C-alpha atoms as a PDB file:
ATOM      1  CA  MET A   1      -0.014  -0.008  -0.054  1.00  0.00           C
ATOM      2  CA  GLY A   2       2.845   2.490   0.674  1.00  0.00           C
ATOM      3  CA  VAL A   3       2.924   5.801   2.128  1.00  0.00           C
ATOM      4  CA  GLN A   4       0.891   7.482  -0.590  1.00  0.00           C
ATOM      5  CA  GLY A   5      -1.746   4.909  -0.298  1.00  0.00           C
ATOM      6  CA  THR A   6      -1.847   5.214   3.478  1.00  0.00           C
ATOM      7  CA  LEU A   7      -2.274   9.142   3.248  1.00  0.00           C
ATOM      8  CA  GLU A   8      -4.955   8.864   0.661  1.00  0.00           C
ATOM      9  CA  TYR A   9      -6.824   6.226   2.721  1.00  0.00           C
ATOM     10  CA  PHE A  10      -6.845   8.731   5.730  1.00  0.00           C
ATOM     11  CA  SER A  11      -7.817  11.402   3.799  1.00  0.00           C
ATOM     12  CA  ASN A  12     -10.820   9.787   2.285  1.00  0.00           C
ATOM     13  CA  LEU A  13     -11.683   8.603   6.049  1.00  0.00           C
ATOM     14  CA  LEU A  14     -11.577  12.246   7.267  1.00  0.00           C
ATOM     15  CA  SER A  15     -13.442  13.523   4.460  1.00  0.00           C
ATOM     16  CA  ARG A  16     -16.369  11.457   5.157  1.00  0.00           C
ATOM     17  CA  VAL A  17     -16.218  12.465   8.784  1.00  0.00           C
ATOM     18  CA  LYS A  18     -16.802  16.188   8.215  1.00  0.00           C
ATOM     19  CA  LYS A  19     -20.214  17.361   8.866  1.00  0.00           C
ATOM     20  CA  LYS A  20     -22.041  19.030   5.944  1.00  0.00           C
ATOM     21  CA  LYS A  21     -22.502  22.682   6.560  1.00  0.00           C
ATOM     22  CA  LYS A  22     -25.958  24.213   5.425  1.00  0.00           C
ATOM     23  CA  LYS A  23     -25.443  26.565   2.685  1.00  0.00           C
ATOM     24  CA  LYS A  24     -26.581  29.978   3.601  1.00  0.00           C
ATOM     25  CA  GLN A  25     -29.168  31.737   1.549  1.00  0.00           C
ATOM     26  CA  ILE A  26     -28.037  34.765  -0.447  1.00  0.00           C
ATOM     27  CA  GLN A  27     -29.772  37.670   1.356  1.00  0.00           C
ATOM     28  CA  THR A  28     -30.082  41.640   0.962  1.00  0.00           C
ATOM     29  CA  VAL A  29     -29.589  43.648   4.205  1.00  0.00           C
ATOM     30  CA  ALA A  30     -30.469  47.658   3.639  1.00  0.00           C
ATOM     31  CA  LEU A  31     -29.697  50.069   6.433  1.00  0.00           C
ATOM     32  CA  LYS A  32     -30.408  53.632   7.271  1.00  0.00           C
ATOM     33  CA  ILE A  33     -27.017  55.126   8.144  1.00  0.00           C
ATOM     34  CA  ARG A  34     -26.311  59.170   8.680  1.00  0.00           C
ATOM     35  CA  MET A  35     -23.700  59.583   6.231  1.00  0.00           C
ATOM     36  CA  ASP A  36     -23.064  63.550   5.479  1.00  0.00           C
ATOM     37  CA  CYS A  37     -20.375  63.497   2.651  1.00  0.00           C
ATOM     38  CA  GLU A  38     -18.401  61.126   0.081  1.00  0.00           C
ATOM     39  CA  GLY A  39     -15.657  60.410   2.762  1.00  0.00           C
ATOM     40  CA  CYS A  40     -18.460  59.050   5.110  1.00  0.00           C
ATOM     41  CA  ALA A  41     -19.815  56.652   2.306  1.00  0.00           C
ATOM     42  CA  ARG A  42     -16.651  55.420   1.513  1.00  0.00           C
ATOM     43  CA  LYS A  43     -15.773  54.794   5.041  1.00  0.00           C
ATOM     44  CA  VAL A  44     -19.169  52.721   5.190  1.00  0.00           C
ATOM     45  CA  LYS A  45     -18.567  50.780   2.043  1.00  0.00           C
ATOM     46  CA  HIS A  46     -15.134  49.467   3.283  1.00  0.00           C
ATOM     47  CA  VAL A  47     -16.646  48.441   6.758  1.00  0.00           C
ATOM     48  CA  LEU A  48     -19.420  46.666   5.050  1.00  0.00           C
ATOM     49  CA  SER A  49     -17.673  45.477   2.335  1.00  0.00           C
ATOM     50  CA  ASN A  50     -15.128  43.323   5.137  1.00  0.00           C
ATOM     51  CA  VAL A  51     -18.673  41.698   6.677  1.00  0.00           C
ATOM     52  CA  LYS A  52     -17.782  38.107   5.740  1.00  0.00           C
ATOM     53  CA  GLY A  53     -19.884  36.649   3.089  1.00  0.00           C
ATOM     54  CA  ALA A  54     -20.667  40.264   1.369  1.00  0.00           C
ATOM     55  CA  LYS A  55     -20.696  40.109  -2.248  1.00  0.00           C
ATOM     56  CA  SER A  56     -21.812  43.495  -3.030  1.00  0.00           C
ATOM     57  CA  VAL A  57     -22.103  46.911  -0.998  1.00  0.00           C
ATOM     58  CA  ASP A  58     -24.261  49.754  -2.652  1.00  0.00           C
ATOM     59  CA  ILE A  59     -24.362  53.032  -1.189  1.00  0.00           C
ATOM     60  CA  ASP A  60     -27.188  55.798  -1.894  1.00  0.00           C
ATOM     61  CA  LEU A  61     -25.807  58.716  -0.104  1.00  0.00           C
ATOM     62  CA  LYS A  62     -28.901  61.043  -1.159  1.00  0.00           C
ATOM     63  CA  ARG A  63     -31.093  58.623   0.511  1.00  0.00           C
ATOM     64  CA  GLN A  64     -29.110  57.663   3.272  1.00  0.00           C
ATOM     65  CA  LYS A  65     -29.127  53.831   2.484  1.00  0.00           C
ATOM     66  CA  ALA A  66     -26.859  51.085   2.516  1.00  0.00           C
ATOM     67  CA  THR A  67     -27.733  47.565   1.002  1.00  0.00           C
ATOM     68  CA  VAL A  68     -25.492  44.591   1.311  1.00  0.00           C
ATOM     69  CA  THR A  69     -25.879  41.398  -0.768  1.00  0.00           C
ATOM     70  CA  GLY A  70     -24.471  38.246   0.009  1.00  0.00           C
ATOM     71  CA  TYR A  71     -24.066  35.346   2.263  1.00  0.00           C
ATOM     72  CA  VAL A  72     -24.824  37.333   5.208  1.00  0.00           C
ATOM     73  CA  GLU A  73     -26.708  37.858   8.559  1.00  0.00           C
ATOM     74  CA  PRO A  74     -28.249  40.723   9.324  1.00  0.00           C
ATOM     75  CA  LYS A  75     -27.259  41.227  12.867  1.00  0.00           C
ATOM     76  CA  LYS A  76     -23.314  41.014  11.890  1.00  0.00           C
ATOM     77  CA  VAL A  77     -23.890  43.637   9.227  1.00  0.00           C
ATOM     78  CA  LEU A  78     -25.815  45.753  11.414  1.00  0.00           C
ATOM     79  CA  LYS A  79     -23.001  45.519  14.190  1.00  0.00           C
ATOM     80  CA  ALA A  80     -20.132  46.030  11.421  1.00  0.00           C
ATOM     81  CA  ALA A  81     -22.126  49.480  10.545  1.00  0.00           C
ATOM     82  CA  GLN A  82     -22.249  50.392  14.326  1.00  0.00           C
ATOM     83  CA  LYS A  83     -18.413  50.590  14.427  1.00  0.00           C
ATOM     84  CA  THR A  84     -18.634  53.342  12.185  1.00  0.00           C
ATOM     85  CA  LYS A  85     -19.979  55.309  15.184  1.00  0.00           C
ATOM     86  CA  LYS A  86     -22.664  56.542  12.755  1.00  0.00           C
ATOM     87  CA  LYS A  87     -26.465  56.550  13.597  1.00  0.00           C
ATOM     88  CA  VAL A  88     -27.615  52.954  12.236  1.00  0.00           C
ATOM     89  CA  GLU A  89     -30.698  51.399  12.039  1.00  0.00           C
ATOM     90  CA  MET A  90     -32.452  48.473   9.809  1.00  0.00           C
ATOM     91  CA  TRP A  91     -33.963  50.221   6.681  1.00  0.00           C
ATOM     92  CA  PRO A  92     -37.718  51.429   8.260  1.00  0.00           C
ATOM     93  CA  TYR A  93     -39.215  52.090   4.781  1.00  0.00           C
ATOM     94  CA  VAL A  94     -41.528  50.591   2.445  1.00  0.00           C
ATOM     95  CA  PRO A  95     -43.563  51.513  -0.654  1.00  0.00           C
ATOM     96  CA  TYR A  96     -46.824  53.112   0.542  1.00  0.00           C
ATOM     97  CA  THR A  97     -48.918  50.687  -1.409  1.00  0.00           C
ATOM     98  CA  MET A  98     -47.843  48.010   1.030  1.00  0.00           C
ATOM     99  CA  VAL A  99     -49.091  49.402   3.764  1.00  0.00           C
ATOM    100  CA  ALA A 100     -53.162  49.253   4.689  1.00  0.00           C
ATOM    101  CA  ASN A 101     -53.274  52.665   6.029  1.00  0.00           C
ATOM    102  CA  PRO A 102     -50.225  54.629   5.097  1.00  0.00           C
ATOM    103  CA  TYR A 103     -50.825  57.677   6.905  1.00  0.00           C
ATOM    104  CA  ILE A 104     -51.440  56.976  10.338  1.00  0.00           C
ATOM    105  CA  SER A 105     -49.160  58.530  12.723  1.00  0.00           C
ATOM    106  CA  GLN A 106     -46.774  55.844  13.023  1.00  0.00           C
ATOM    107  CA  ALA A 107     -46.253  55.163   9.456  1.00  0.00           C
ATOM    108  CA  TYR A 108     -46.187  59.095   7.925  1.00  0.00           C
ATOM    109  CA  ASP A 109     -42.479  60.190   8.151  1.00  0.00           C
ATOM    110  CA  LYS A 110     -41.487  63.582   6.557  1.00  0.00           C
ATOM    111  CA  LYS A 111     -38.215  62.233   6.098  1.00  0.00           C
ATOM    112  CA  ALA A 112     -38.799  59.438   4.185  1.00  0.00           C
ATOM    113  CA  PRO A 113     -37.722  58.982   0.554  1.00  0.00           C
ATOM    114  CA  PRO A 114     -40.593  59.702  -2.004  1.00  0.00           C
ATOM    115  CA  ASN A 115     -43.327  57.023  -2.065  1.00  0.00           C
ATOM    116  CA  MET A 116     -42.415  55.437   0.994  1.00  0.00           C
ATOM    117  CA  VAL A 117     -43.667  55.223   4.590  1.00  0.00           C
ATOM    118  CA  ARG A 118     -42.561  53.818   7.820  1.00  0.00           C
ATOM    119  CA  LYS A 119     -43.195  50.132   8.275  1.00  0.00           C
ATOM    120  CA  VAL A 120     -46.205  49.381  10.714  1.00  0.00           C
ATOM    121  CA  ALA A 121     -47.605  46.325  11.900  1.00  0.00           C
ATOM    122  CA  ASP A 122     -51.399  45.618  10.567  1.00  0.00           C
ATOM    123  CA  THR A 123     -53.847  46.874  12.779  1.00  0.00           C
ATOM    124  CA  SER A 124     -56.757  45.168  11.094  1.00  0.00           C
ATOM    125  CA  ASN A 125     -55.867  42.068  13.002  1.00  0.00           C
ATOM    126  CA  VAL A 126     -57.316  43.669  16.267  1.00  0.00           C
ATOM    127  CA  LYS A 127     -60.277  42.114  17.422  1.00  0.00           C
ATOM    128  CA  GLU A 128     -63.203  44.236  18.623  1.00  0.00           C
ATOM    129  CA  THR A 129     -64.728  43.467  22.014  1.00  0.00           C
ATOM    130  CA  ILE A 130     -68.374  43.789  23.310  1.00  0.00           C
ATOM    131  CA  VAL A 131     -67.739  47.134  24.701  1.00  0.00           C
ATOM    132  CA  ASP A 132     -66.895  48.242  21.361  1.00  0.00           C
ATOM    133  CA  ASP A 133     -69.859  46.557  20.054  1.00  0.00           C
ATOM    134  CA  HIS A 134     -72.264  48.366  22.483  1.00  0.00           C
ATOM    135  CA  TYR A 135     -70.740  51.694  21.247  1.00  0.00           C
ATOM    136  CA  ILE A 136     -70.985  50.977  17.603  1.00  0.00           C
ATOM    137  CA  GLN A 137     -74.864  50.201  18.157  1.00  0.00           C
ATOM    138  CA  MET A 138     -75.487  53.222  20.344  1.00  0.00           C
ATOM    139  CA  PHE A 139     -74.497  55.453  16.994  1.00  0.00           C
ATOM    140  CA  SER A 140     -76.074  53.168  14.293  1.00  0.00           C
ATOM    141  CA  ASP A 141     -77.945  54.737  11.532  1.00  0.00           C
ATOM    142  CA  GLU A 142     -79.973  51.624  11.266  1.00  0.00           C
ATOM    143  CA  ASN A 143     -81.776  52.102  14.676  1.00  0.00           C
ATOM    144  CA  PRO A 144     -84.289  55.182  15.036  1.00  0.00           C
ATOM    145  CA  ASN A 145     -83.283  55.705  18.395  1.00  0.00           C
ATOM    146  CA  ALA A 146     -79.661  55.693  17.636  1.00  0.00           C
ATOM    147  CA  CYS A 147     -78.344  58.482  19.498  1.00  0.00           C
ATOM    148  CA  SER A 148     -79.100  57.379  23.014  1.00  0.00           C
ATOM    149  CA  ILE A 149     -77.040  59.916  24.735  1.00  0.00           C
ATOM    150  CA  MET A 150     -79.017  62.965  23.649  1.00  0.00           C
END
């Protein structure tokens, strides 16, 4: 068998023992980062491109947005961006057509990019209680004695 055969045997044996890792899915992580100039944008791009698994980094200075695409985890990207000592948060905006009621106080934001609002939870899933039904019936248009307060 010889030395070469022995090494090949152990190599094959060890390769079978290795556990197969799950392959990470490609993700796009968007961050809102306070950037004032091209120097800030360059610094942020440099830091985010050094994140393990990052394939591409896009910086939009006008919208204060950084987008990282690759085999990355959002928490690690956020942590790396915070190392720049700039105000960082996950991208909070979505197109206003995706929000049920885009002009409620939580969603409307003057600083939002055009045609975008803050992402808020859908309030249509809130269940009404018996007390709410009672108030609705007090002011019903179908009931001739509807306004029982007067």
